[in-house]
Amino acid sequence: MNETHARHALATYERHYNGHRPHRARNQLPPAADQQPVAVPELEGRRLLRTRILGGVINEYRYAA
């Protein structure tokens, strides 16, 4: 581990924190979102995708299109 690795890890976490993670002060919206996502009426049969961030320390989830 060195300074370059630490900077990369912090930059990755910063992108997650500011772009994907919901914030209480914004009614659980991520900073980049203007409105709540549309509810999906039929979840059965939908595939949930996981994106591992920082080797799985953080996980981001979304439904497949």
PDB file of N, CA and C in Angstrom:
ATOM      1  N   MET A   1       0.848  -1.171   0.000  1.00  0.00           N
ATOM      2  CA  MET A   1       0.000   0.000   0.000  1.00  0.00           C
ATOM      3  C   MET A   1       0.897   1.238   0.000  1.00  0.00           C
ATOM      4  N   ASN A   2       0.538   2.174  -0.852  1.00  0.00           N
ATOM      5  CA  ASN A   2       1.289   3.419  -0.910  1.00  0.00           C
ATOM      6  C   ASN A   2       0.319   4.581  -1.121  1.00  0.00           C
ATOM      7  N   GLU A   3       0.856   5.755  -1.307  1.00  0.00           N
ATOM      8  CA  GLU A   3       0.013   6.946  -1.452  1.00  0.00           C
ATOM      9  C   GLU A   3      -0.870   6.855  -2.695  1.00  0.00           C
ATOM     10  N   THR A   4      -0.349   6.324  -3.782  1.00  0.00           N
ATOM     11  CA  THR A   4      -1.134   6.194  -5.010  1.00  0.00           C
ATOM     12  C   THR A   4      -2.346   5.290  -4.786  1.00  0.00           C
ATOM     13  N   HIS A   5      -2.123   4.171  -4.095  1.00  0.00           N
ATOM     14  CA  HIS A   5      -3.229   3.262  -3.791  1.00  0.00           C
ATOM     15  C   HIS A   5      -4.264   3.942  -2.901  1.00  0.00           C
ATOM     16  N   ALA A   6      -3.822   4.649  -1.897  1.00  0.00           N
ATOM     17  CA  ALA A   6      -4.734   5.348  -0.990  1.00  0.00           C
ATOM     18  C   ALA A   6      -5.549   6.399  -1.739  1.00  0.00           C
ATOM     19  N   ARG A   7      -4.914   7.150  -2.624  1.00  0.00           N
ATOM     20  CA  ARG A   7      -5.628   8.164  -3.408  1.00  0.00           C
ATOM     21  C   ARG A   7      -6.670   7.517  -4.328  1.00  0.00           C
ATOM     22  N   HIS A   8      -6.313   6.381  -4.918  1.00  0.00           N
ATOM     23  CA  HIS A   8      -7.255   5.677  -5.789  1.00  0.00           C
ATOM     24  C   HIS A   8      -8.461   5.189  -4.977  1.00  0.00           C
ATOM     25  N   ALA A   9      -8.217   4.596  -3.819  1.00  0.00           N
ATOM     26  CA  ALA A   9      -9.306   4.090  -2.979  1.00  0.00           C
ATOM     27  C   ALA A   9     -10.210   5.231  -2.511  1.00  0.00           C
ATOM     28  N   LEU A  10      -9.628   6.337  -2.108  1.00  0.00           N
ATOM     29  CA  LEU A  10     -10.434   7.471  -1.658  1.00  0.00           C
ATOM     30  C   LEU A  10     -11.235   8.083  -2.795  1.00  0.00           C
ATOM     31  N   ALA A  11     -10.654   8.174  -3.985  1.00  0.00           N
ATOM     32  CA  ALA A  11     -11.369   8.715  -5.141  1.00  0.00           C
ATOM     33  C   ALA A  11     -12.543   7.810  -5.517  1.00  0.00           C
ATOM     34  N   THR A  12     -12.342   6.499  -5.444  1.00  0.00           N
ATOM     35  CA  THR A  12     -13.413   5.552  -5.741  1.00  0.00           C
ATOM     36  C   THR A  12     -14.543   5.690  -4.734  1.00  0.00           C
ATOM     37  N   TYR A  13     -14.212   5.772  -3.462  1.00  0.00           N
ATOM     38  CA  TYR A  13     -15.232   5.946  -2.433  1.00  0.00           C
ATOM     39  C   TYR A  13     -15.952   7.278  -2.617  1.00  0.00           C
ATOM     40  N   GLU A  14     -15.240   8.321  -2.946  1.00  0.00           N
ATOM     41  CA  GLU A  14     -15.846   9.639  -3.153  1.00  0.00           C
ATOM     42  C   GLU A  14     -16.871   9.596  -4.291  1.00  0.00           C
ATOM     43  N   ARG A  15     -16.544   8.915  -5.395  1.00  0.00           N
ATOM     44  CA  ARG A  15     -17.491   8.777  -6.505  1.00  0.00           C
ATOM     45  C   ARG A  15     -18.756   8.038  -6.051  1.00  0.00           C
ATOM     46  N   HIS A  16     -18.593   6.979  -5.276  1.00  0.00           N
ATOM     47  CA  HIS A  16     -19.748   6.237  -4.753  1.00  0.00           C
ATOM     48  C   HIS A  16     -20.573   7.128  -3.818  1.00  0.00           C
ATOM     49  N   TYR A  17     -19.918   7.790  -2.902  1.00  0.00           N
ATOM     50  CA  TYR A  17     -20.597   8.610  -1.892  1.00  0.00           C
ATOM     51  C   TYR A  17     -21.381   9.741  -2.544  1.00  0.00           C
ATOM     52  N   ASN A  18     -20.779  10.403  -3.523  1.00  0.00           N
ATOM     53  CA  ASN A  18     -21.406  11.567  -4.142  1.00  0.00           C
ATOM     54  C   ASN A  18     -22.312  11.232  -5.314  1.00  0.00           C
ATOM     55  N   GLY A  19     -22.211  10.039  -5.881  1.00  0.00           N
ATOM     56  CA  GLY A  19     -22.996   9.748  -7.061  1.00  0.00           C
ATOM     57  C   GLY A  19     -24.046   8.664  -6.911  1.00  0.00           C
ATOM     58  N   HIS A  20     -23.841   7.710  -6.029  1.00  0.00           N
ATOM     59  CA  HIS A  20     -24.750   6.575  -5.956  1.00  0.00           C
ATOM     60  C   HIS A  20     -25.462   6.451  -4.611  1.00  0.00           C
ATOM     61  N   ARG A  21     -24.761   6.723  -3.552  1.00  0.00           N
ATOM     62  CA  ARG A  21     -25.302   6.490  -2.205  1.00  0.00           C
ATOM     63  C   ARG A  21     -26.419   7.481  -1.875  1.00  0.00           C
ATOM     64  N   PRO A  22     -27.573   6.998  -1.365  1.00  0.00           N
ATOM     65  CA  PRO A  22     -28.643   7.915  -0.981  1.00  0.00           C
ATOM     66  C   PRO A  22     -28.266   8.740   0.247  1.00  0.00           C
ATOM     67  N   HIS A  23     -28.789   9.950   0.304  1.00  0.00           N
ATOM     68  CA  HIS A  23     -28.508  10.868   1.406  1.00  0.00           C
ATOM     69  C   HIS A  23     -29.803  11.212   2.130  1.00  0.00           C
ATOM     70  N   ARG A  24     -29.780  11.154   3.458  1.00  0.00           N
ATOM     71  CA  ARG A  24     -30.968  11.474   4.247  1.00  0.00           C
ATOM     72  C   ARG A  24     -31.448  12.898   4.004  1.00  0.00           C
ATOM     73  N   ALA A  25     -30.540  13.835   3.899  1.00  0.00           N
ATOM     74  CA  ALA A  25     -30.914  15.235   3.725  1.00  0.00           C
ATOM     75  C   ALA A  25     -31.616  15.474   2.385  1.00  0.00           C
ATOM     76  N   ARG A  26     -31.527  14.519   1.482  1.00  0.00           N
ATOM     77  CA  ARG A  26     -32.171  14.653   0.162  1.00  0.00           C
ATOM     78  C   ARG A  26     -33.298  13.641  -0.019  1.00  0.00           C
ATOM     79  N   ASN A  27     -33.934  13.225   1.058  1.00  0.00           N
ATOM     80  CA  ASN A  27     -35.010  12.223   1.005  1.00  0.00           C
ATOM     81  C   ASN A  27     -34.555  10.936   0.329  1.00  0.00           C
ATOM     82  N   GLN A  28     -33.393  10.472   0.679  1.00  0.00           N
ATOM     83  CA  GLN A  28     -32.803   9.226   0.181  1.00  0.00           C
ATOM     84  C   GLN A  28     -32.464   9.261  -1.310  1.00  0.00           C
ATOM     85  N   LEU A  29     -32.260  10.451  -1.857  1.00  0.00           N
ATOM     86  CA  LEU A  29     -31.819  10.576  -3.251  1.00  0.00           C
ATOM     87  C   LEU A  29     -30.309  10.714  -3.304  1.00  0.00           C
ATOM     88  N   PRO A  30     -29.673  10.113  -4.298  1.00  0.00           N
ATOM     89  CA  PRO A  30     -28.258  10.394  -4.504  1.00  0.00           C
ATOM     90  C   PRO A  30     -28.112  11.834  -4.999  1.00  0.00           C
ATOM     91  N   PRO A  31     -26.968  12.449  -4.811  1.00  0.00           N
ATOM     92  CA  PRO A  31     -26.781  13.840  -5.226  1.00  0.00           C
ATOM     93  C   PRO A  31     -27.057  14.084  -6.705  1.00  0.00           C
ATOM     94  N   ALA A  32     -26.813  13.123  -7.574  1.00  0.00           N
ATOM     95  CA  ALA A  32     -26.994  13.338  -9.006  1.00  0.00           C
ATOM     96  C   ALA A  32     -28.445  13.175  -9.452  1.00  0.00           C
ATOM     97  N   ALA A  33     -29.345  12.689  -8.600  1.00  0.00           N
ATOM     98  CA  ALA A  33     -30.733  12.434  -8.984  1.00  0.00           C
ATOM     99  C   ALA A  33     -31.614  13.634  -8.658  1.00  0.00           C
ATOM    100  N   ASP A  34     -32.599  13.880  -9.533  1.00  0.00           N
ATOM    101  CA  ASP A  34     -33.544  14.966  -9.314  1.00  0.00           C
ATOM    102  C   ASP A  34     -34.866  14.472  -8.739  1.00  0.00           C
ATOM    103  N   GLN A  35     -35.164  13.177  -8.932  1.00  0.00           N
ATOM    104  CA  GLN A  35     -36.423  12.626  -8.432  1.00  0.00           C
ATOM    105  C   GLN A  35     -36.246  11.161  -8.077  1.00  0.00           C
ATOM    106  N   GLN A  36     -37.209  10.642  -7.326  1.00  0.00           N
ATOM    107  CA  GLN A  36     -37.172   9.236  -6.944  1.00  0.00           C
ATOM    108  C   GLN A  36     -37.305   8.368  -8.192  1.00  0.00           C
ATOM    109  N   PRO A  37     -36.651   7.216  -8.226  1.00  0.00           N
ATOM    110  CA  PRO A  37     -36.808   6.331  -9.376  1.00  0.00           C
ATOM    111  C   PRO A  37     -38.245   5.790  -9.458  1.00  0.00           C
ATOM    112  N   VAL A  38     -38.668   5.483 -10.661  1.00  0.00           N
ATOM    113  CA  VAL A  38     -40.003   4.943 -10.879  1.00  0.00           C
ATOM    114  C   VAL A  38     -40.057   3.532 -10.308  1.00  0.00           C
ATOM    115  N   ALA A  39     -41.126   3.238  -9.576  1.00  0.00           N
ATOM    116  CA  ALA A  39     -41.282   1.908  -8.986  1.00  0.00           C
ATOM    117  C   ALA A  39     -41.494   0.876 -10.090  1.00  0.00           C
ATOM    118  N   VAL A  40     -40.864  -0.257  -9.938  1.00  0.00           N
ATOM    119  CA  VAL A  40     -40.999  -1.348 -10.906  1.00  0.00           C
ATOM    120  C   VAL A  40     -42.178  -2.207 -10.464  1.00  0.00           C
ATOM    121  N   PRO A  41     -43.246  -2.309 -11.284  1.00  0.00           N
ATOM    122  CA  PRO A  41     -44.439  -3.031 -10.844  1.00  0.00           C
ATOM    123  C   PRO A  41     -44.230  -4.536 -10.668  1.00  0.00           C
ATOM    124  N   GLU A  42     -43.444  -5.145 -11.522  1.00  0.00           N
ATOM    125  CA  GLU A  42     -43.240  -6.589 -11.440  1.00  0.00           C
ATOM    126  C   GLU A  42     -41.772  -6.893 -11.189  1.00  0.00           C
ATOM    127  N   LEU A  43     -41.454  -7.240  -9.966  1.00  0.00           N
ATOM    128  CA  LEU A  43     -40.066  -7.540  -9.632  1.00  0.00           C
ATOM    129  C   LEU A  43     -39.709  -8.994  -9.897  1.00  0.00           C
ATOM    130  N   GLU A  44     -40.725  -9.870  -9.931  1.00  0.00           N
ATOM    131  CA  GLU A  44     -40.448 -11.278 -10.171  1.00  0.00           C
ATOM    132  C   GLU A  44     -39.931 -11.465 -11.600  1.00  0.00           C
ATOM    133  N   GLY A  45     -38.870 -12.184 -11.705  1.00  0.00           N
ATOM    134  CA  GLY A  45     -38.257 -12.402 -13.010  1.00  0.00           C
ATOM    135  C   GLY A  45     -37.241 -11.339 -13.389  1.00  0.00           C
ATOM    136  N   ARG A  46     -37.164 -10.267 -12.605  1.00  0.00           N
ATOM    137  CA  ARG A  46     -36.176  -9.223 -12.875  1.00  0.00           C
ATOM    138  C   ARG A  46     -34.846  -9.658 -12.285  1.00  0.00           C
ATOM    139  N   ARG A  47     -33.797  -9.355 -12.962  1.00  0.00           N
ATOM    140  CA  ARG A  47     -32.469  -9.737 -12.506  1.00  0.00           C
ATOM    141  C   ARG A  47     -31.800  -8.561 -11.803  1.00  0.00           C
ATOM    142  N   LEU A  48     -31.324  -8.795 -10.616  1.00  0.00           N
ATOM    143  CA  LEU A  48     -30.632  -7.782  -9.834  1.00  0.00           C
ATOM    144  C   LEU A  48     -29.136  -7.902 -10.091  1.00  0.00           C
ATOM    145  N   LEU A  49     -28.517  -6.792 -10.460  1.00  0.00           N
ATOM    146  CA  LEU A  49     -27.088  -6.784 -10.749  1.00  0.00           C
ATOM    147  C   LEU A  49     -26.336  -6.095  -9.616  1.00  0.00           C
ATOM    148  N   ARG A  50     -25.213  -6.664  -9.253  1.00  0.00           N
ATOM    149  CA  ARG A  50     -24.372  -6.083  -8.204  1.00  0.00           C
ATOM    150  C   ARG A  50     -23.061  -5.629  -8.833  1.00  0.00           C
ATOM    151  N   THR A  51     -22.656  -4.430  -8.497  1.00  0.00           N
ATOM    152  CA  THR A  51     -21.350  -3.915  -8.892  1.00  0.00           C
ATOM    153  C   THR A  51     -20.497  -3.836  -7.638  1.00  0.00           C
ATOM    154  N   ARG A  52     -19.394  -4.546  -7.648  1.00  0.00           N
ATOM    155  CA  ARG A  52     -18.498  -4.538  -6.492  1.00  0.00           C
ATOM    156  C   ARG A  52     -17.537  -3.360  -6.624  1.00  0.00           C
ATOM    157  N   ILE A  53     -17.465  -2.551  -5.587  1.00  0.00           N
ATOM    158  CA  ILE A  53     -16.588  -1.378  -5.544  1.00  0.00           C
ATOM    159  C   ILE A  53     -15.517  -1.654  -4.501  1.00  0.00           C
ATOM    160  N   LEU A  54     -14.308  -1.303  -4.806  1.00  0.00           N
ATOM    161  CA  LEU A  54     -13.174  -1.499  -3.896  1.00  0.00           C
ATOM    162  C   LEU A  54     -13.051  -2.960  -3.460  1.00  0.00           C
ATOM    163  N   GLY A  55     -13.165  -3.845  -4.421  1.00  0.00           N
ATOM    164  CA  GLY A  55     -12.995  -5.266  -4.128  1.00  0.00           C
ATOM    165  C   GLY A  55     -14.103  -5.875  -3.290  1.00  0.00           C
ATOM    166  N   GLY A  56     -15.283  -5.263  -3.302  1.00  0.00           N
ATOM    167  CA  GLY A  56     -16.417  -5.796  -2.557  1.00  0.00           C
ATOM    168  C   GLY A  56     -16.644  -5.132  -1.221  1.00  0.00           C
ATOM    169  N   VAL A  57     -15.826  -4.155  -0.864  1.00  0.00           N
ATOM    170  CA  VAL A  57     -16.041  -3.415   0.385  1.00  0.00           C
ATOM    171  C   VAL A  57     -17.364  -2.660   0.299  1.00  0.00           C
ATOM    172  N   ILE A  58     -17.664  -2.134  -0.902  1.00  0.00           N
ATOM    173  CA  ILE A  58     -18.910  -1.432  -1.181  1.00  0.00           C
ATOM    174  C   ILE A  58     -19.588  -2.186  -2.315  1.00  0.00           C
ATOM    175  N   ASN A  59     -20.897  -2.339  -2.237  1.00  0.00           N
ATOM    176  CA  ASN A  59     -21.671  -2.963  -3.305  1.00  0.00           C
ATOM    177  C   ASN A  59     -22.752  -1.994  -3.758  1.00  0.00           C
ATOM    178  N   GLU A  60     -22.910  -1.836  -5.071  1.00  0.00           N
ATOM    179  CA  GLU A  60     -23.986  -1.041  -5.643  1.00  0.00           C
ATOM    180  C   GLU A  60     -24.906  -2.005  -6.391  1.00  0.00           C
ATOM    181  N   TYR A  61     -26.229  -1.812  -6.238  1.00  0.00           N
ATOM    182  CA  TYR A  61     -27.206  -2.716  -6.837  1.00  0.00           C
ATOM    183  C   TYR A  61     -28.098  -1.950  -7.804  1.00  0.00           C
ATOM    184  N   ARG A  62     -28.507  -2.627  -8.895  1.00  0.00           N
ATOM    185  CA  ARG A  62     -29.459  -2.083  -9.835  1.00  0.00           C
ATOM    186  C   ARG A  62     -30.129  -3.229 -10.566  1.00  0.00           C
ATOM    187  N   TYR A  63     -31.294  -2.961 -11.125  1.00  0.00           N
ATOM    188  CA  TYR A  63     -31.991  -3.980 -11.895  1.00  0.00           C
ATOM    189  C   TYR A  63     -31.490  -3.974 -13.330  1.00  0.00           C
ATOM    190  N   ALA A  64     -31.393  -5.152 -13.928  1.00  0.00           N
ATOM    191  CA  ALA A  64     -31.002  -5.275 -15.327  1.00  0.00           C
ATOM    192  C   ALA A  64     -32.119  -4.718 -16.195  1.00  0.00           C
ATOM    193  N   ALA A  65     -31.741  -4.124 -17.295  1.00  0.00           N
ATOM    194  CA  ALA A  65     -32.747  -3.552 -18.212  1.00  0.00           C
ATOM    195  C   ALA A  65     -33.501  -4.626 -18.939  1.00  0.00           C
TER     196      ALA A  65
END
